[in-house]
């Protein structure tokens, strides 16, 4: 039912040809990255600020994808770019700590997966008419 509602919102935003499987994968990856970043930030390593910012960006990206009213293709792609940039920063910070922390390593992997999912969705959107 939620995906049907999202399809209606996407049609209103002029993005009726959106690949819903890629959007769902991006939502899942953003959710996992948000959770991993929050867990990692509790470790109080030097990556904590980047992790909290990444969690906030992933949460914002999910909120925008779940509420497409007022969104356009260009705005959505800019949001995806911002999410990927924040994930890259978090991943870089966590990788610096990864040798001493399995949590940081897990967070970095989650950031990478989120970037990949965002890029796949953005690539798909670039092909939309």
C-alpha atoms as a PDB file:
ATOM      1  CA  UNK A   1       0.000   0.000   0.000  1.00  0.00           C
ATOM      2  CA  UNK A   2       2.822   2.405   0.834  1.00  0.00           C
ATOM      3  CA  UNK A   3       4.469   1.854  -2.555  1.00  0.00           C
ATOM      4  CA  UNK A   4       1.134   2.607  -4.270  1.00  0.00           C
ATOM      5  CA  UNK A   5       0.905   5.881  -2.366  1.00  0.00           C
ATOM      6  CA  UNK A   6       4.489   6.706  -3.311  1.00  0.00           C
ATOM      7  CA  UNK A   7       3.709   6.021  -6.977  1.00  0.00           C
ATOM      8  CA  UNK A   8       0.865   8.563  -6.796  1.00  0.00           C
ATOM      9  CA  UNK A   9       3.178  11.129  -5.198  1.00  0.00           C
ATOM     10  CA  UNK A  10       5.823  10.474  -7.843  1.00  0.00           C
ATOM     11  CA  UNK A  11       3.267  10.996 -10.608  1.00  0.00           C
ATOM     12  CA  UNK A  12       2.301  14.352  -9.053  1.00  0.00           C
ATOM     13  CA  UNK A  13       5.996  15.298  -8.989  1.00  0.00           C
ATOM     14  CA  UNK A  14       6.389  14.395 -12.668  1.00  0.00           C
ATOM     15  CA  UNK A  15       8.446  11.298 -11.918  1.00  0.00           C
ATOM     16  CA  UNK A  16       5.963   8.573 -12.789  1.00  0.00           C
ATOM     17  CA  UNK A  17       8.656   6.508 -14.545  1.00  0.00           C
ATOM     18  CA  UNK A  18      10.755   6.178 -11.364  1.00  0.00           C
ATOM     19  CA  UNK A  19      12.180   2.683 -10.856  1.00  0.00           C
ATOM     20  CA  UNK A  20      10.426   1.723  -7.633  1.00  0.00           C
ATOM     21  CA  UNK A  21      12.749  -1.190  -6.904  1.00  0.00           C
ATOM     22  CA  UNK A  22      15.740   1.186  -6.948  1.00  0.00           C
ATOM     23  CA  UNK A  23      13.854   3.654  -4.782  1.00  0.00           C
ATOM     24  CA  UNK A  24      13.015   0.910  -2.296  1.00  0.00           C
ATOM     25  CA  UNK A  25      16.650  -0.243  -2.251  1.00  0.00           C
ATOM     26  CA  UNK A  26      17.764   3.344  -1.630  1.00  0.00           C
ATOM     27  CA  UNK A  27      15.274   3.711   1.234  1.00  0.00           C
ATOM     28  CA  UNK A  28      16.532   0.475   2.786  1.00  0.00           C
ATOM     29  CA  UNK A  29      20.180   1.511   2.406  1.00  0.00           C
ATOM     30  CA  UNK A  30      19.518   4.958   3.897  1.00  0.00           C
ATOM     31  CA  UNK A  31      17.736   3.354   6.836  1.00  0.00           C
ATOM     32  CA  UNK A  32      20.578   0.903   7.455  1.00  0.00           C
ATOM     33  CA  UNK A  33      23.162   3.677   7.159  1.00  0.00           C
ATOM     34  CA  UNK A  34      21.245   5.908   9.552  1.00  0.00           C
ATOM     35  CA  UNK A  35      21.111   3.116  12.132  1.00  0.00           C
ATOM     36  CA  UNK A  36      24.772   2.146  11.693  1.00  0.00           C
ATOM     37  CA  UNK A  37      25.866   5.769  11.958  1.00  0.00           C
ATOM     38  CA  UNK A  38      23.935   6.273  15.184  1.00  0.00           C
ATOM     39  CA  UNK A  39      25.444   3.119  16.690  1.00  0.00           C
ATOM     40  CA  UNK A  40      28.920   4.200  15.596  1.00  0.00           C
ATOM     41  CA  UNK A  41      28.517   7.705  17.016  1.00  0.00           C
ATOM     42  CA  UNK A  42      27.940   6.215  20.472  1.00  0.00           C
ATOM     43  CA  UNK A  43      31.454   4.728  20.338  1.00  0.00           C
ATOM     44  CA  UNK A  44      32.748   8.273  20.888  1.00  0.00           C
ATOM     45  CA  UNK A  45      35.622   7.862  18.445  1.00  0.00           C
ATOM     46  CA  UNK A  46      36.787  10.808  16.338  1.00  0.00           C
ATOM     47  CA  UNK A  47      34.269   9.867  13.639  1.00  0.00           C
ATOM     48  CA  UNK A  48      31.265  10.528  15.921  1.00  0.00           C
ATOM     49  CA  UNK A  49      30.401  13.997  14.532  1.00  0.00           C
ATOM     50  CA  UNK A  50      30.536  12.740  10.940  1.00  0.00           C
ATOM     51  CA  UNK A  51      28.396   9.750  11.925  1.00  0.00           C
ATOM     52  CA  UNK A  52      25.699  11.936  13.484  1.00  0.00           C
ATOM     53  CA  UNK A  53      25.653  14.200  10.433  1.00  0.00           C
ATOM     54  CA  UNK A  54      25.424  11.170   8.166  1.00  0.00           C
ATOM     55  CA  UNK A  55      22.549   9.749  10.200  1.00  0.00           C
ATOM     56  CA  UNK A  56      20.706  13.060   9.938  1.00  0.00           C
ATOM     57  CA  UNK A  57      21.264  13.274   6.167  1.00  0.00           C
ATOM     58  CA  UNK A  58      20.095   9.698   5.603  1.00  0.00           C
ATOM     59  CA  UNK A  59      16.998  10.386   7.690  1.00  0.00           C
ATOM     60  CA  UNK A  60      16.269  13.532   5.678  1.00  0.00           C
ATOM     61  CA  UNK A  61      16.727  11.668   2.392  1.00  0.00           C
ATOM     62  CA  UNK A  62      14.296   8.971   3.506  1.00  0.00           C
ATOM     63  CA  UNK A  63      11.749  11.572   4.612  1.00  0.00           C
ATOM     64  CA  UNK A  64      11.923  13.298   1.242  1.00  0.00           C
ATOM     65  CA  UNK A  65      11.579  10.031  -0.671  1.00  0.00           C
ATOM     66  CA  UNK A  66       8.574   9.012   1.401  1.00  0.00           C
ATOM     67  CA  UNK A  67       6.923  12.400   0.868  1.00  0.00           C
ATOM     68  CA  UNK A  68       7.501  13.311  -2.759  1.00  0.00           C
ATOM     69  CA  UNK A  69       5.031  16.222  -2.867  1.00  0.00           C
ATOM     70  CA  UNK A  70       6.953  19.342  -3.767  1.00  0.00           C
ATOM     71  CA  UNK A  71       9.968  17.362  -4.970  1.00  0.00           C
ATOM     72  CA  UNK A  72      11.235  17.502  -8.520  1.00  0.00           C
ATOM     73  CA  UNK A  73      13.697  15.330 -10.393  1.00  0.00           C
ATOM     74  CA  UNK A  74      16.459  17.937 -10.022  1.00  0.00           C
ATOM     75  CA  UNK A  75      15.838  18.483  -6.308  1.00  0.00           C
ATOM     76  CA  UNK A  76      15.750  14.741  -5.660  1.00  0.00           C
ATOM     77  CA  UNK A  77      19.014  14.254  -7.529  1.00  0.00           C
ATOM     78  CA  UNK A  78      20.589  17.090  -5.512  1.00  0.00           C
ATOM     79  CA  UNK A  79      19.415  15.426  -2.301  1.00  0.00           C
ATOM     80  CA  UNK A  80      20.957  12.155  -3.484  1.00  0.00           C
ATOM     81  CA  UNK A  81      24.232  13.995  -4.176  1.00  0.00           C
ATOM     82  CA  UNK A  82      24.196  15.496  -0.672  1.00  0.00           C
ATOM     83  CA  UNK A  83      23.494  12.105   0.883  1.00  0.00           C
ATOM     84  CA  UNK A  84      26.340  10.510  -1.055  1.00  0.00           C
ATOM     85  CA  UNK A  85      28.711  13.321  -0.020  1.00  0.00           C
ATOM     86  CA  UNK A  86      27.809  12.914   3.645  1.00  0.00           C
ATOM     87  CA  UNK A  87      28.169   9.128   3.423  1.00  0.00           C
ATOM     88  CA  UNK A  88      31.580   9.545   1.780  1.00  0.00           C
ATOM     89  CA  UNK A  89      32.748  11.817   4.596  1.00  0.00           C
ATOM     90  CA  UNK A  90      31.442   9.432   7.251  1.00  0.00           C
ATOM     91  CA  UNK A  91      32.977   6.428   5.507  1.00  0.00           C
ATOM     92  CA  UNK A  92      36.363   8.158   5.294  1.00  0.00           C
ATOM     93  CA  UNK A  93      36.255   9.089   8.982  1.00  0.00           C
ATOM     94  CA  UNK A  94      35.160   5.606  10.031  1.00  0.00           C
ATOM     95  CA  UNK A  95      37.793   3.886   7.890  1.00  0.00           C
ATOM     96  CA  UNK A  96      40.445   5.813   9.813  1.00  0.00           C
ATOM     97  CA  UNK A  97      39.124   4.089  12.950  1.00  0.00           C
ATOM     98  CA  UNK A  98      38.225   0.721  11.369  1.00  0.00           C
ATOM     99  CA  UNK A  99      41.379  -1.149  12.418  1.00  0.00           C
ATOM    100  CA  UNK A 100      40.496  -0.611  16.068  1.00  0.00           C
ATOM    101  CA  UNK A 101      36.711  -0.764  15.872  1.00  0.00           C
ATOM    102  CA  UNK A 102      34.412  -3.312  14.264  1.00  0.00           C
ATOM    103  CA  UNK A 103      31.574  -0.823  14.723  1.00  0.00           C
ATOM    104  CA  UNK A 104      33.426   1.771  12.634  1.00  0.00           C
ATOM    105  CA  UNK A 105      34.130  -0.853   9.982  1.00  0.00           C
ATOM    106  CA  UNK A 106      30.438  -1.810   9.897  1.00  0.00           C
ATOM    107  CA  UNK A 107      29.449   1.854   9.640  1.00  0.00           C
ATOM    108  CA  UNK A 108      31.867   2.452   6.762  1.00  0.00           C
ATOM    109  CA  UNK A 109      30.431  -0.562   4.914  1.00  0.00           C
ATOM    110  CA  UNK A 110      26.911   0.736   5.477  1.00  0.00           C
ATOM    111  CA  UNK A 111      27.929   4.151   4.135  1.00  0.00           C
ATOM    112  CA  UNK A 112      29.369   2.520   1.012  1.00  0.00           C
ATOM    113  CA  UNK A 113      26.176   0.530   0.457  1.00  0.00           C
ATOM    114  CA  UNK A 114      24.111   3.698   0.860  1.00  0.00           C
ATOM    115  CA  UNK A 115      26.261   5.588  -1.643  1.00  0.00           C
ATOM    116  CA  UNK A 116      25.914   2.732  -4.128  1.00  0.00           C
ATOM    117  CA  UNK A 117      22.112   2.658  -3.735  1.00  0.00           C
ATOM    118  CA  UNK A 118      21.859   6.446  -4.073  1.00  0.00           C
ATOM    119  CA  UNK A 119      24.027   6.374  -7.196  1.00  0.00           C
ATOM    120  CA  UNK A 120      21.944   3.607  -8.755  1.00  0.00           C
ATOM    121  CA  UNK A 121      18.760   5.628  -8.151  1.00  0.00           C
ATOM    122  CA  UNK A 122      20.358   8.820  -9.470  1.00  0.00           C
ATOM    123  CA  UNK A 123      21.648   7.023 -12.587  1.00  0.00           C
ATOM    124  CA  UNK A 124      18.132   5.727 -13.205  1.00  0.00           C
ATOM    125  CA  UNK A 125      16.650   9.197 -12.739  1.00  0.00           C
ATOM    126  CA  UNK A 126      19.123  10.707 -15.201  1.00  0.00           C
ATOM    127  CA  UNK A 127      17.605   8.463 -17.886  1.00  0.00           C
ATOM    128  CA  UNK A 128      14.070   9.686 -17.146  1.00  0.00           C
ATOM    129  CA  UNK A 129      12.544  11.962 -19.765  1.00  0.00           C
END
